[in-house]
């Protein structure tokens, strides 16, 4: 399962970061009654799109449904955990941060678990 989470992070981080390089188009208002709900909805929508992209790669690699679900669920949970802390950020920044931190954390755990296995613990 840890490998499935790592694969999800490897797929999500470049896509989440690439979103920052796409031109934003028309500038949205950063203040007002609809600014916060708009950022929230766009962050949720972006998380769903990123989760769909993450689900596509393991499916192409013929991963099990359990691993596919674990990778997608891990990314979605990470996004929801970071959502309150990044509520003032736009959706693209939230997705970039979430996917990058997710990849870093999962890679760290993956590496530490491999070291512990090699040490015989």
PDB file of N, CA and C in Angstrom:
ATOM      1  N   UNK A   1       0.825  -1.196   0.000  1.00  0.00           N
ATOM      2  CA  UNK A   1       0.000   0.000   0.000  1.00  0.00           C
ATOM      3  C   UNK A   1       0.867   1.257   0.000  1.00  0.00           C
ATOM      4  N   UNK A   2       1.986   1.203   0.683  1.00  0.00           N
ATOM      5  CA  UNK A   2       2.877   2.362   0.718  1.00  0.00           C
ATOM      6  C   UNK A   2       3.403   2.695  -0.674  1.00  0.00           C
ATOM      7  N   UNK A   3       3.638   1.666  -1.469  1.00  0.00           N
ATOM      8  CA  UNK A   3       4.086   1.892  -2.845  1.00  0.00           C
ATOM      9  C   UNK A   3       2.988   2.564  -3.664  1.00  0.00           C
ATOM     10  N   UNK A   4       1.733   2.223  -3.402  1.00  0.00           N
ATOM     11  CA  UNK A   4       0.622   2.852  -4.113  1.00  0.00           C
ATOM     12  C   UNK A   4       0.520   4.327  -3.746  1.00  0.00           C
ATOM     13  N   UNK A   5       0.734   4.650  -2.482  1.00  0.00           N
ATOM     14  CA  UNK A   5       0.721   6.053  -2.061  1.00  0.00           C
ATOM     15  C   UNK A   5       1.883   6.815  -2.678  1.00  0.00           C
ATOM     16  N   UNK A   6       3.038   6.166  -2.761  1.00  0.00           N
ATOM     17  CA  UNK A   6       4.192   6.806  -3.389  1.00  0.00           C
ATOM     18  C   UNK A   6       3.937   7.056  -4.870  1.00  0.00           C
ATOM     19  N   UNK A   7       3.351   6.098  -5.555  1.00  0.00           N
ATOM     20  CA  UNK A   7       3.013   6.289  -6.963  1.00  0.00           C
ATOM     21  C   UNK A   7       2.017   7.429  -7.131  1.00  0.00           C
ATOM     22  N   UNK A   8       1.048   7.507  -6.242  1.00  0.00           N
ATOM     23  CA  UNK A   8       0.083   8.605  -6.296  1.00  0.00           C
ATOM     24  C   UNK A   8       0.778   9.952  -6.123  1.00  0.00           C
ATOM     25  N   UNK A   9       1.718  10.019  -5.210  1.00  0.00           N
ATOM     26  CA  UNK A   9       2.466  11.266  -5.015  1.00  0.00           C
ATOM     27  C   UNK A   9       3.336  11.616  -6.200  1.00  0.00           C
ATOM     28  N   UNK A  10       3.959  10.593  -6.807  1.00  0.00           N
ATOM     29  CA  UNK A  10       4.814  10.832  -7.976  1.00  0.00           C
ATOM     30  C   UNK A  10       3.992  11.358  -9.142  1.00  0.00           C
ATOM     31  N   UNK A  11       2.762  10.901  -9.269  1.00  0.00           N
ATOM     32  CA  UNK A  11       1.895  11.383 -10.343  1.00  0.00           C
ATOM     33  C   UNK A  11       1.321  12.754  -9.999  1.00  0.00           C
ATOM     34  N   UNK A  12       0.914  12.950  -8.755  1.00  0.00           N
ATOM     35  CA  UNK A  12       0.212  14.174  -8.370  1.00  0.00           C
ATOM     36  C   UNK A  12       1.120  15.397  -8.293  1.00  0.00           C
ATOM     37  N   UNK A  13       2.336  15.237  -7.806  1.00  0.00           N
ATOM     38  CA  UNK A  13       3.206  16.408  -7.590  1.00  0.00           C
ATOM     39  C   UNK A  13       3.518  17.172  -8.880  1.00  0.00           C
ATOM     40  N   UNK A  14       3.898  16.520  -9.972  1.00  0.00           N
ATOM     41  CA  UNK A  14       4.139  17.304 -11.196  1.00  0.00           C
ATOM     42  C   UNK A  14       2.883  17.981 -11.731  1.00  0.00           C
ATOM     43  N   UNK A  15       1.748  17.274 -11.651  1.00  0.00           N
ATOM     44  CA  UNK A  15       0.510  17.882 -12.140  1.00  0.00           C
ATOM     45  C   UNK A  15       0.075  19.041 -11.245  1.00  0.00           C
ATOM     46  N   UNK A  16       0.211  18.876  -9.945  1.00  0.00           N
ATOM     47  CA  UNK A  16      -0.140  19.964  -9.029  1.00  0.00           C
ATOM     48  C   UNK A  16       0.767  21.165  -9.200  1.00  0.00           C
ATOM     49  N   UNK A  17       2.041  20.917  -9.440  1.00  0.00           N
ATOM     50  CA  UNK A  17       2.977  22.022  -9.651  1.00  0.00           C
ATOM     51  C   UNK A  17       2.787  22.666 -11.010  1.00  0.00           C
ATOM     52  N   UNK A  18       2.467  21.879 -12.012  1.00  0.00           N
ATOM     53  CA  UNK A  18       2.263  22.424 -13.359  1.00  0.00           C
ATOM     54  C   UNK A  18       1.093  23.394 -13.391  1.00  0.00           C
ATOM     55  N   UNK A  19       0.148  23.192 -12.504  1.00  0.00           N
ATOM     56  CA  UNK A  19      -0.988  24.107 -12.447  1.00  0.00           C
ATOM     57  C   UNK A  19      -0.595  25.542 -12.161  1.00  0.00           C
ATOM     58  N   UNK A  20       0.528  25.740 -11.497  1.00  0.00           N
ATOM     59  CA  UNK A  20       0.976  27.101 -11.202  1.00  0.00           C
ATOM     60  C   UNK A  20       1.478  27.823 -12.446  1.00  0.00           C
ATOM     61  N   UNK A  21       1.868  27.064 -13.465  1.00  0.00           N
ATOM     62  CA  UNK A  21       2.424  27.673 -14.669  1.00  0.00           C
ATOM     63  C   UNK A  21       1.382  27.948 -15.744  1.00  0.00           C
ATOM     64  N   UNK A  22       0.156  27.508 -15.525  1.00  0.00           N
ATOM     65  CA  UNK A  22      -0.925  27.784 -16.469  1.00  0.00           C
ATOM     66  C   UNK A  22      -1.394  29.214 -16.233  1.00  0.00           C
ATOM     67  N   UNK A  23      -1.551  30.007 -17.303  1.00  0.00           N
ATOM     68  CA  UNK A  23      -2.032  31.382 -17.111  1.00  0.00           C
ATOM     69  C   UNK A  23      -3.396  31.395 -16.416  1.00  0.00           C
ATOM     70  N   UNK A  24      -3.556  32.335 -15.512  1.00  0.00           N
ATOM     71  CA  UNK A  24      -4.757  32.387 -14.679  1.00  0.00           C
ATOM     72  C   UNK A  24      -5.965  32.957 -15.395  1.00  0.00           C
ATOM     73  N   UNK A  25      -5.783  33.671 -16.475  1.00  0.00           N
ATOM     74  CA  UNK A  25      -6.927  34.277 -17.144  1.00  0.00           C
ATOM     75  C   UNK A  25      -7.322  35.551 -16.429  1.00  0.00           C
ATOM     76  N   UNK A  26      -8.619  35.750 -16.256  1.00  0.00           N
ATOM     77  CA  UNK A  26      -9.107  36.960 -15.604  1.00  0.00           C
ATOM     78  C   UNK A  26      -8.874  36.869 -14.105  1.00  0.00           C
ATOM     79  N   UNK A  27      -8.399  37.932 -13.530  1.00  0.00           N
ATOM     80  CA  UNK A  27      -8.142  37.960 -12.089  1.00  0.00           C
ATOM     81  C   UNK A  27      -9.448  38.009 -11.322  1.00  0.00           C
ATOM     82  N   UNK A  28      -9.564  37.145 -10.344  1.00  0.00           N
ATOM     83  CA  UNK A  28     -10.752  37.108  -9.493  1.00  0.00           C
ATOM     84  C   UNK A  28     -10.542  38.045  -8.305  1.00  0.00           C
ATOM     85  N   UNK A  29     -11.649  38.474  -7.743  1.00  0.00           N
ATOM     86  CA  UNK A  29     -11.566  39.327  -6.561  1.00  0.00           C
ATOM     87  C   UNK A  29     -11.071  38.509  -5.389  1.00  0.00           C
ATOM     88  N   UNK A  30     -10.167  39.100  -4.618  1.00  0.00           N
ATOM     89  CA  UNK A  30      -9.618  38.394  -3.455  1.00  0.00           C
ATOM     90  C   UNK A  30     -10.365  38.734  -2.182  1.00  0.00           C
ATOM     91  N   UNK A  31     -11.277  39.660  -2.257  1.00  0.00           N
ATOM     92  CA  UNK A  31     -12.078  40.034  -1.098  1.00  0.00           C
ATOM     93  C   UNK A  31     -13.545  39.998  -1.505  1.00  0.00           C
ATOM     94  N   UNK A  32     -14.408  40.039  -0.527  1.00  0.00           N
ATOM     95  CA  UNK A  32     -15.833  40.034  -0.811  1.00  0.00           C
ATOM     96  C   UNK A  32     -16.494  38.788  -0.279  1.00  0.00           C
ATOM     97  N   UNK A  33     -17.799  38.743  -0.452  1.00  0.00           N
ATOM     98  CA  UNK A  33     -18.594  37.654   0.107  1.00  0.00           C
ATOM     99  C   UNK A  33     -18.346  36.320  -0.591  1.00  0.00           C
ATOM    100  N   UNK A  34     -18.026  36.340  -1.875  1.00  0.00           N
ATOM    101  CA  UNK A  34     -17.891  35.098  -2.623  1.00  0.00           C
ATOM    102  C   UNK A  34     -16.451  34.633  -2.795  1.00  0.00           C
ATOM    103  N   UNK A  35     -15.485  35.375  -2.323  1.00  0.00           N
ATOM    104  CA  UNK A  35     -14.080  35.009  -2.543  1.00  0.00           C
ATOM    105  C   UNK A  35     -13.712  33.711  -1.821  1.00  0.00           C
ATOM    106  N   UNK A  36     -14.041  33.596  -0.557  1.00  0.00           N
ATOM    107  CA  UNK A  36     -13.690  32.398   0.212  1.00  0.00           C
ATOM    108  C   UNK A  36     -14.432  31.157  -0.283  1.00  0.00           C
ATOM    109  N   UNK A  37     -15.756  31.228  -0.496  1.00  0.00           N
ATOM    110  CA  UNK A  37     -16.435  30.030  -1.029  1.00  0.00           C
ATOM    111  C   UNK A  37     -15.935  29.639  -2.421  1.00  0.00           C
ATOM    112  N   UNK A  38     -15.588  30.610  -3.246  1.00  0.00           N
ATOM    113  CA  UNK A  38     -15.075  30.310  -4.580  1.00  0.00           C
ATOM    114  C   UNK A  38     -13.744  29.573  -4.479  1.00  0.00           C
ATOM    115  N   UNK A  39     -12.844  30.036  -3.602  1.00  0.00           N
ATOM    116  CA  UNK A  39     -11.562  29.353  -3.422  1.00  0.00           C
ATOM    117  C   UNK A  39     -11.775  27.940  -2.905  1.00  0.00           C
ATOM    118  N   UNK A  40     -12.714  27.769  -1.972  1.00  0.00           N
ATOM    119  CA  UNK A  40     -13.002  26.451  -1.401  1.00  0.00           C
ATOM    120  C   UNK A  40     -13.519  25.490  -2.468  1.00  0.00           C
ATOM    121  N   UNK A  41     -14.488  25.931  -3.242  1.00  0.00           N
ATOM    122  CA  UNK A  41     -15.074  25.084  -4.284  1.00  0.00           C
ATOM    123  C   UNK A  41     -14.041  24.750  -5.354  1.00  0.00           C
ATOM    124  N   UNK A  42     -13.249  25.727  -5.759  1.00  0.00           N
ATOM    125  CA  UNK A  42     -12.221  25.465  -6.761  1.00  0.00           C
ATOM    126  C   UNK A  42     -11.146  24.519  -6.241  1.00  0.00           C
ATOM    127  N   UNK A  43     -10.814  24.613  -4.964  1.00  0.00           N
ATOM    128  CA  UNK A  43      -9.843  23.684  -4.386  1.00  0.00           C
ATOM    129  C   UNK A  43     -10.410  22.265  -4.354  1.00  0.00           C
ATOM    130  N   UNK A  44     -11.683  22.117  -4.018  1.00  0.00           N
ATOM    131  CA  UNK A  44     -12.303  20.792  -4.037  1.00  0.00           C
ATOM    132  C   UNK A  44     -12.391  20.237  -5.456  1.00  0.00           C
ATOM    133  N   UNK A  45     -12.757  21.093  -6.403  1.00  0.00           N
ATOM    134  CA  UNK A  45     -12.829  20.668  -7.799  1.00  0.00           C
ATOM    135  C   UNK A  45     -11.439  20.266  -8.307  1.00  0.00           C
ATOM    136  N   UNK A  46     -10.436  21.065  -7.986  1.00  0.00           N
ATOM    137  CA  UNK A  46      -9.072  20.744  -8.386  1.00  0.00           C
ATOM    138  C   UNK A  46      -8.586  19.451  -7.760  1.00  0.00           C
ATOM    139  N   UNK A  47      -8.965  19.200  -6.517  1.00  0.00           N
ATOM    140  CA  UNK A  47      -8.605  17.948  -5.859  1.00  0.00           C
ATOM    141  C   UNK A  47      -9.246  16.768  -6.582  1.00  0.00           C
ATOM    142  N   UNK A  48     -10.492  16.922  -6.998  1.00  0.00           N
ATOM    143  CA  UNK A  48     -11.171  15.845  -7.723  1.00  0.00           C
ATOM    144  C   UNK A  48     -10.498  15.585  -9.068  1.00  0.00           C
ATOM    145  N   UNK A  49     -10.104  16.643  -9.770  1.00  0.00           N
ATOM    146  CA  UNK A  49      -9.428  16.481 -11.058  1.00  0.00           C
ATOM    147  C   UNK A  49      -8.067  15.824 -10.858  1.00  0.00           C
ATOM    148  N   UNK A  50      -7.331  16.258  -9.854  1.00  0.00           N
ATOM    149  CA  UNK A  50      -6.026  15.666  -9.568  1.00  0.00           C
ATOM    150  C   UNK A  50      -6.169  14.208  -9.137  1.00  0.00           C
ATOM    151  N   UNK A  51      -7.187  13.901  -8.362  1.00  0.00           N
ATOM    152  CA  UNK A  51      -7.430  12.514  -7.949  1.00  0.00           C
ATOM    153  C   UNK A  51      -7.772  11.641  -9.155  1.00  0.00           C
ATOM    154  N   UNK A  52      -8.510  12.191 -10.107  1.00  0.00           N
ATOM    155  CA  UNK A  52      -8.822  11.436 -11.326  1.00  0.00           C
ATOM    156  C   UNK A  52      -7.560  11.158 -12.130  1.00  0.00           C
ATOM    157  N   UNK A  53      -6.665  12.137 -12.198  1.00  0.00           N
ATOM    158  CA  UNK A  53      -5.397  11.924 -12.900  1.00  0.00           C
ATOM    159  C   UNK A  53      -4.559  10.880 -12.180  1.00  0.00           C
ATOM    160  N   UNK A  54      -4.563  10.929 -10.863  1.00  0.00           N
ATOM    161  CA  UNK A  54      -3.808   9.954 -10.074  1.00  0.00           C
ATOM    162  C   UNK A  54      -4.406   8.560 -10.258  1.00  0.00           C
ATOM    163  N   UNK A  55      -5.705   8.455 -10.398  1.00  0.00           N
ATOM    164  CA  UNK A  55      -6.353   7.148 -10.588  1.00  0.00           C
ATOM    165  C   UNK A  55      -6.040   6.565 -11.956  1.00  0.00           C
ATOM    166  N   UNK A  56      -5.767   7.404 -12.930  1.00  0.00           N
ATOM    167  CA  UNK A  56      -5.524   6.917 -14.280  1.00  0.00           C
ATOM    168  C   UNK A  56      -4.229   6.150 -14.434  1.00  0.00           C
ATOM    169  N   UNK A  57      -3.169   6.587 -13.801  1.00  0.00           N
ATOM    170  CA  UNK A  57      -1.858   5.949 -13.981  1.00  0.00           C
ATOM    171  C   UNK A  57      -1.823   4.534 -13.394  1.00  0.00           C
ATOM    172  N   UNK A  58      -2.247   4.308 -12.153  1.00  0.00           N
ATOM    173  CA  UNK A  58      -2.246   2.927 -11.657  1.00  0.00           C
ATOM    174  C   UNK A  58      -3.162   2.014 -12.487  1.00  0.00           C
ATOM    175  N   UNK A  59      -4.228   2.587 -13.017  1.00  0.00           N
ATOM    176  CA  UNK A  59      -5.124   1.798 -13.862  1.00  0.00           C
ATOM    177  C   UNK A  59      -4.388   1.361 -15.130  1.00  0.00           C
ATOM    178  N   UNK A  60      -3.578   2.266 -15.690  1.00  0.00           N
ATOM    179  CA  UNK A  60      -2.782   1.914 -16.867  1.00  0.00           C
ATOM    180  C   UNK A  60      -1.715   0.868 -16.544  1.00  0.00           C
ATOM    181  N   UNK A  61      -1.227   0.884 -15.305  1.00  0.00           N
ATOM    182  CA  UNK A  61      -0.218  -0.079 -14.881  1.00  0.00           C
ATOM    183  C   UNK A  61      -0.830  -1.376 -14.347  1.00  0.00           C
ATOM    184  N   UNK A  62      -2.136  -1.493 -14.444  1.00  0.00           N
ATOM    185  CA  UNK A  62      -2.874  -2.671 -14.003  1.00  0.00           C
ATOM    186  C   UNK A  62      -2.694  -2.939 -12.511  1.00  0.00           C
ATOM    187  N   UNK A  63      -2.735  -1.879 -11.724  1.00  0.00           N
ATOM    188  CA  UNK A  63      -2.659  -2.028 -10.269  1.00  0.00           C
ATOM    189  C   UNK A  63      -3.977  -2.585  -9.744  1.00  0.00           C
ATOM    190  N   UNK A  64      -3.928  -3.151  -8.574  1.00  0.00           N
ATOM    191  CA  UNK A  64      -5.155  -3.686  -7.977  1.00  0.00           C
ATOM    192  C   UNK A  64      -6.074  -2.540  -7.581  1.00  0.00           C
ATOM    193  N   UNK A  65      -7.341  -2.858  -7.459  1.00  0.00           N
ATOM    194  CA  UNK A  65      -8.319  -1.834  -7.067  1.00  0.00           C
ATOM    195  C   UNK A  65      -8.021  -1.303  -5.667  1.00  0.00           C
ATOM    196  N   UNK A  66      -7.508  -2.161  -4.805  1.00  0.00           N
ATOM    197  CA  UNK A  66      -7.162  -1.744  -3.451  1.00  0.00           C
ATOM    198  C   UNK A  66      -6.058  -0.696  -3.485  1.00  0.00           C
ATOM    199  N   UNK A  67      -5.022  -0.927  -4.264  1.00  0.00           N
ATOM    200  CA  UNK A  67      -3.923   0.040  -4.367  1.00  0.00           C
ATOM    201  C   UNK A  67      -4.375   1.320  -5.040  1.00  0.00           C
ATOM    202  N   UNK A  68      -5.234   1.200  -6.054  1.00  0.00           N
ATOM    203  CA  UNK A  68      -5.760   2.384  -6.730  1.00  0.00           C
ATOM    204  C   UNK A  68      -6.553   3.242  -5.753  1.00  0.00           C
ATOM    205  N   UNK A  69      -7.414   2.597  -4.975  1.00  0.00           N
ATOM    206  CA  UNK A  69      -8.230   3.324  -3.991  1.00  0.00           C
ATOM    207  C   UNK A  69      -7.358   3.931  -2.905  1.00  0.00           C
ATOM    208  N   UNK A  70      -6.323   3.216  -2.487  1.00  0.00           N
ATOM    209  CA  UNK A  70      -5.443   3.737  -1.439  1.00  0.00           C
ATOM    210  C   UNK A  70      -4.707   4.990  -1.910  1.00  0.00           C
ATOM    211  N   UNK A  71      -4.211   4.973  -3.132  1.00  0.00           N
ATOM    212  CA  UNK A  71      -3.500   6.139  -3.659  1.00  0.00           C
ATOM    213  C   UNK A  71      -4.398   7.356  -3.787  1.00  0.00           C
ATOM    214  N   UNK A  72      -5.582   7.151  -4.341  1.00  0.00           N
ATOM    215  CA  UNK A  72      -6.530   8.264  -4.508  1.00  0.00           C
ATOM    216  C   UNK A  72      -6.994   8.772  -3.149  1.00  0.00           C
ATOM    217  N   UNK A  73      -7.332   7.857  -2.254  1.00  0.00           N
ATOM    218  CA  UNK A  73      -7.805   8.264  -0.925  1.00  0.00           C
ATOM    219  C   UNK A  73      -6.718   9.010  -0.157  1.00  0.00           C
ATOM    220  N   UNK A  74      -5.484   8.566  -0.262  1.00  0.00           N
ATOM    221  CA  UNK A  74      -4.390   9.261   0.418  1.00  0.00           C
ATOM    222  C   UNK A  74      -4.243  10.694  -0.060  1.00  0.00           C
ATOM    223  N   UNK A  75      -4.324  10.899  -1.365  1.00  0.00           N
ATOM    224  CA  UNK A  75      -4.209  12.254  -1.907  1.00  0.00           C
ATOM    225  C   UNK A  75      -5.392  13.125  -1.488  1.00  0.00           C
ATOM    226  N   UNK A  76      -6.581  12.579  -1.535  1.00  0.00           N
ATOM    227  CA  UNK A  76      -7.773  13.348  -1.155  1.00  0.00           C
ATOM    228  C   UNK A  76      -7.729  13.709   0.326  1.00  0.00           C
ATOM    229  N   UNK A  77      -7.337  12.779   1.164  1.00  0.00           N
ATOM    230  CA  UNK A  77      -7.234  13.065   2.603  1.00  0.00           C
ATOM    231  C   UNK A  77      -6.177  14.137   2.859  1.00  0.00           C
ATOM    232  N   UNK A  78      -5.050  14.040   2.170  1.00  0.00           N
ATOM    233  CA  UNK A  78      -4.011  15.063   2.338  1.00  0.00           C
ATOM    234  C   UNK A  78      -4.532  16.433   1.932  1.00  0.00           C
ATOM    235  N   UNK A  79      -5.294  16.492   0.845  1.00  0.00           N
ATOM    236  CA  UNK A  79      -5.844  17.770   0.403  1.00  0.00           C
ATOM    237  C   UNK A  79      -6.836  18.322   1.422  1.00  0.00           C
ATOM    238  N   UNK A  80      -7.673  17.451   1.955  1.00  0.00           N
ATOM    239  CA  UNK A  80      -8.652  17.906   2.943  1.00  0.00           C
ATOM    240  C   UNK A  80      -7.994  18.340   4.249  1.00  0.00           C
ATOM    241  N   UNK A  81      -6.891  17.691   4.610  1.00  0.00           N
ATOM    242  CA  UNK A  81      -6.172  18.085   5.823  1.00  0.00           C
ATOM    243  C   UNK A  81      -5.574  19.477   5.656  1.00  0.00           C
ATOM    244  N   UNK A  82      -5.026  19.765   4.478  1.00  0.00           N
ATOM    245  CA  UNK A  82      -4.394  21.061   4.245  1.00  0.00           C
ATOM    246  C   UNK A  82      -5.395  22.164   3.922  1.00  0.00           C
ATOM    247  N   UNK A  83      -6.618  21.814   3.580  1.00  0.00           N
ATOM    248  CA  UNK A  83      -7.599  22.812   3.153  1.00  0.00           C
ATOM    249  C   UNK A  83      -7.827  23.932   4.170  1.00  0.00           C
ATOM    250  N   UNK A  84      -8.007  23.645   5.454  1.00  0.00           N
ATOM    251  CA  UNK A  84      -8.203  24.760   6.401  1.00  0.00           C
ATOM    252  C   UNK A  84      -6.968  25.650   6.537  1.00  0.00           C
ATOM    253  N   UNK A  85      -5.781  25.067   6.384  1.00  0.00           N
ATOM    254  CA  UNK A  85      -4.562  25.854   6.556  1.00  0.00           C
ATOM    255  C   UNK A  85      -4.219  26.696   5.330  1.00  0.00           C
ATOM    256  N   UNK A  86      -4.775  26.334   4.186  1.00  0.00           N
ATOM    257  CA  UNK A  86      -4.502  27.080   2.956  1.00  0.00           C
ATOM    258  C   UNK A  86      -5.761  27.776   2.444  1.00  0.00           C
ATOM    259  N   UNK A  87      -6.674  28.088   3.323  1.00  0.00           N
ATOM    260  CA  UNK A  87      -7.968  28.628   2.898  1.00  0.00           C
ATOM    261  C   UNK A  87      -7.871  29.980   2.203  1.00  0.00           C
ATOM    262  N   UNK A  88      -6.813  30.714   2.450  1.00  0.00           N
ATOM    263  CA  UNK A  88      -6.668  32.017   1.804  1.00  0.00           C
ATOM    264  C   UNK A  88      -5.869  31.945   0.503  1.00  0.00           C
ATOM    265  N   UNK A  89      -5.384  30.762   0.171  1.00  0.00           N
ATOM    266  CA  UNK A  89      -4.629  30.565  -1.061  1.00  0.00           C
ATOM    267  C   UNK A  89      -5.592  30.237  -2.200  1.00  0.00           C
ATOM    268  N   UNK A  90      -5.146  30.503  -3.431  1.00  0.00           N
ATOM    269  CA  UNK A  90      -5.993  30.079  -4.539  1.00  0.00           C
ATOM    270  C   UNK A  90      -5.876  28.566  -4.705  1.00  0.00           C
ATOM    271  N   UNK A  91      -6.753  28.003  -5.505  1.00  0.00           N
ATOM    272  CA  UNK A  91      -6.828  26.540  -5.628  1.00  0.00           C
ATOM    273  C   UNK A  91      -5.551  25.957  -6.212  1.00  0.00           C
ATOM    274  N   UNK A  92      -4.935  26.651  -7.167  1.00  0.00           N
ATOM    275  CA  UNK A  92      -3.712  26.133  -7.779  1.00  0.00           C
ATOM    276  C   UNK A  92      -2.577  26.060  -6.767  1.00  0.00           C
ATOM    277  N   UNK A  93      -2.460  27.054  -5.918  1.00  0.00           N
ATOM    278  CA  UNK A  93      -1.421  27.042  -4.884  1.00  0.00           C
ATOM    279  C   UNK A  93      -1.692  25.933  -3.872  1.00  0.00           C
ATOM    280  N   UNK A  94      -2.955  25.750  -3.516  1.00  0.00           N
ATOM    281  CA  UNK A  94      -3.324  24.683  -2.578  1.00  0.00           C
ATOM    282  C   UNK A  94      -2.948  23.316  -3.145  1.00  0.00           C
ATOM    283  N   UNK A  95      -3.272  23.076  -4.406  1.00  0.00           N
ATOM    284  CA  UNK A  95      -2.972  21.775  -5.016  1.00  0.00           C
ATOM    285  C   UNK A  95      -1.475  21.551  -5.149  1.00  0.00           C
ATOM    286  N   UNK A  96      -0.732  22.585  -5.481  1.00  0.00           N
ATOM    287  CA  UNK A  96       0.722  22.464  -5.588  1.00  0.00           C
ATOM    288  C   UNK A  96       1.321  22.116  -4.225  1.00  0.00           C
ATOM    289  N   UNK A  97       0.921  22.835  -3.215  1.00  0.00           N
ATOM    290  CA  UNK A  97       1.438  22.600  -1.866  1.00  0.00           C
ATOM    291  C   UNK A  97       1.067  21.204  -1.376  1.00  0.00           C
ATOM    292  N   UNK A  98      -0.203  20.858  -1.512  1.00  0.00           N
ATOM    293  CA  UNK A  98      -0.682  19.569  -1.024  1.00  0.00           C
ATOM    294  C   UNK A  98       0.038  18.410  -1.699  1.00  0.00           C
ATOM    295  N   UNK A  99       0.123  18.454  -3.014  1.00  0.00           N
ATOM    296  CA  UNK A  99       0.740  17.334  -3.733  1.00  0.00           C
ATOM    297  C   UNK A  99       2.234  17.248  -3.448  1.00  0.00           C
ATOM    298  N   UNK A 100       2.896  18.377  -3.295  1.00  0.00           N
ATOM    299  CA  UNK A 100       4.332  18.368  -3.006  1.00  0.00           C
ATOM    300  C   UNK A 100       4.621  17.834  -1.604  1.00  0.00           C
ATOM    301  N   UNK A 101       3.872  18.295  -0.626  1.00  0.00           N
ATOM    302  CA  UNK A 101       4.059  17.827   0.749  1.00  0.00           C
ATOM    303  C   UNK A 101       3.664  16.357   0.865  1.00  0.00           C
ATOM    304  N   UNK A 102       2.618  15.959   0.157  1.00  0.00           N
ATOM    305  CA  UNK A 102       2.195  14.556   0.154  1.00  0.00           C
ATOM    306  C   UNK A 102       3.315  13.671  -0.381  1.00  0.00           C
ATOM    307  N   UNK A 103       3.895  14.050  -1.511  1.00  0.00           N
ATOM    308  CA  UNK A 103       4.990  13.266  -2.079  1.00  0.00           C
ATOM    309  C   UNK A 103       6.174  13.218  -1.124  1.00  0.00           C
ATOM    310  N   UNK A 104       6.531  14.341  -0.550  1.00  0.00           N
ATOM    311  CA  UNK A 104       7.663  14.385   0.379  1.00  0.00           C
ATOM    312  C   UNK A 104       7.424  13.480   1.575  1.00  0.00           C
ATOM    313  N   UNK A 105       6.254  13.574   2.176  1.00  0.00           N
ATOM    314  CA  UNK A 105       5.960  12.793   3.377  1.00  0.00           C
ATOM    315  C   UNK A 105       5.912  11.294   3.078  1.00  0.00           C
ATOM    316  N   UNK A 106       5.267  10.927   1.986  1.00  0.00           N
ATOM    317  CA  UNK A 106       5.171   9.511   1.637  1.00  0.00           C
ATOM    318  C   UNK A 106       6.543   8.958   1.277  1.00  0.00           C
ATOM    319  N   UNK A 107       7.337   9.726   0.553  1.00  0.00           N
ATOM    320  CA  UNK A 107       8.680   9.257   0.206  1.00  0.00           C
ATOM    321  C   UNK A 107       9.533   9.075   1.459  1.00  0.00           C
ATOM    322  N   UNK A 108       9.399   9.997   2.401  1.00  0.00           N
ATOM    323  CA  UNK A 108      10.144   9.884   3.652  1.00  0.00           C
ATOM    324  C   UNK A 108       9.755   8.612   4.408  1.00  0.00           C
ATOM    325  N   UNK A 109       8.466   8.352   4.531  1.00  0.00           N
ATOM    326  CA  UNK A 109       8.001   7.147   5.211  1.00  0.00           C
ATOM    327  C   UNK A 109       8.443   5.901   4.453  1.00  0.00           C
ATOM    328  N   UNK A 110       8.329   5.928   3.130  1.00  0.00           N
ATOM    329  CA  UNK A 110       8.736   4.792   2.298  1.00  0.00           C
ATOM    330  C   UNK A 110      10.216   4.479   2.497  1.00  0.00           C
ATOM    331  N   UNK A 111      11.042   5.495   2.518  1.00  0.00           N
ATOM    332  CA  UNK A 111      12.477   5.322   2.705  1.00  0.00           C
ATOM    333  C   UNK A 111      12.795   4.818   4.113  1.00  0.00           C
ATOM    334  N   UNK A 112      12.161   5.399   5.112  1.00  0.00           N
ATOM    335  CA  UNK A 112      12.405   4.963   6.485  1.00  0.00           C
ATOM    336  C   UNK A 112      11.956   3.524   6.710  1.00  0.00           C
ATOM    337  N   UNK A 113      10.844   3.133   6.114  1.00  0.00           N
ATOM    338  CA  UNK A 113      10.384   1.744   6.256  1.00  0.00           C
ATOM    339  C   UNK A 113      11.366   0.794   5.585  1.00  0.00           C
ATOM    340  N   UNK A 114      11.926   1.184   4.455  1.00  0.00           N
ATOM    341  CA  UNK A 114      12.927   0.341   3.801  1.00  0.00           C
ATOM    342  C   UNK A 114      14.185   0.211   4.646  1.00  0.00           C
ATOM    343  N   UNK A 115      14.597   1.308   5.281  1.00  0.00           N
ATOM    344  CA  UNK A 115      15.769   1.251   6.154  1.00  0.00           C
ATOM    345  C   UNK A 115      15.512   0.354   7.361  1.00  0.00           C
ATOM    346  N   UNK A 116      14.317   0.432   7.922  1.00  0.00           N
ATOM    347  CA  UNK A 116      13.994  -0.417   9.075  1.00  0.00           C
ATOM    348  C   UNK A 116      13.943  -1.890   8.677  1.00  0.00           C
ATOM    349  N   UNK A 117      13.433  -2.180   7.487  1.00  0.00           N
ATOM    350  CA  UNK A 117      13.414  -3.578   7.029  1.00  0.00           C
ATOM    351  C   UNK A 117      14.826  -4.117   6.829  1.00  0.00           C
ATOM    352  N   UNK A 118      15.696  -3.277   6.263  1.00  0.00           N
ATOM    353  CA  UNK A 118      17.074  -3.721   6.049  1.00  0.00           C
ATOM    354  C   UNK A 118      17.821  -3.899   7.371  1.00  0.00           C
ATOM    355  N   UNK A 119      17.452  -3.113   8.368  1.00  0.00           N
ATOM    356  CA  UNK A 119      18.109  -3.224   9.675  1.00  0.00           C
ATOM    357  C   UNK A 119      17.600  -4.419  10.473  1.00  0.00           C
ATOM    358  N   UNK A 120      16.511  -5.033  10.007  1.00  0.00           N
ATOM    359  CA  UNK A 120      15.997  -6.227  10.677  1.00  0.00           C
ATOM    360  C   UNK A 120      14.965  -5.951  11.745  1.00  0.00           C
ATOM    361  N   UNK A 121      14.382  -4.784  11.772  1.00  0.00           N
ATOM    362  CA  UNK A 121      13.370  -4.467  12.790  1.00  0.00           C
ATOM    363  C   UNK A 121      12.000  -4.787  12.281  1.00  0.00           C
TER     364      UNK A 121
END
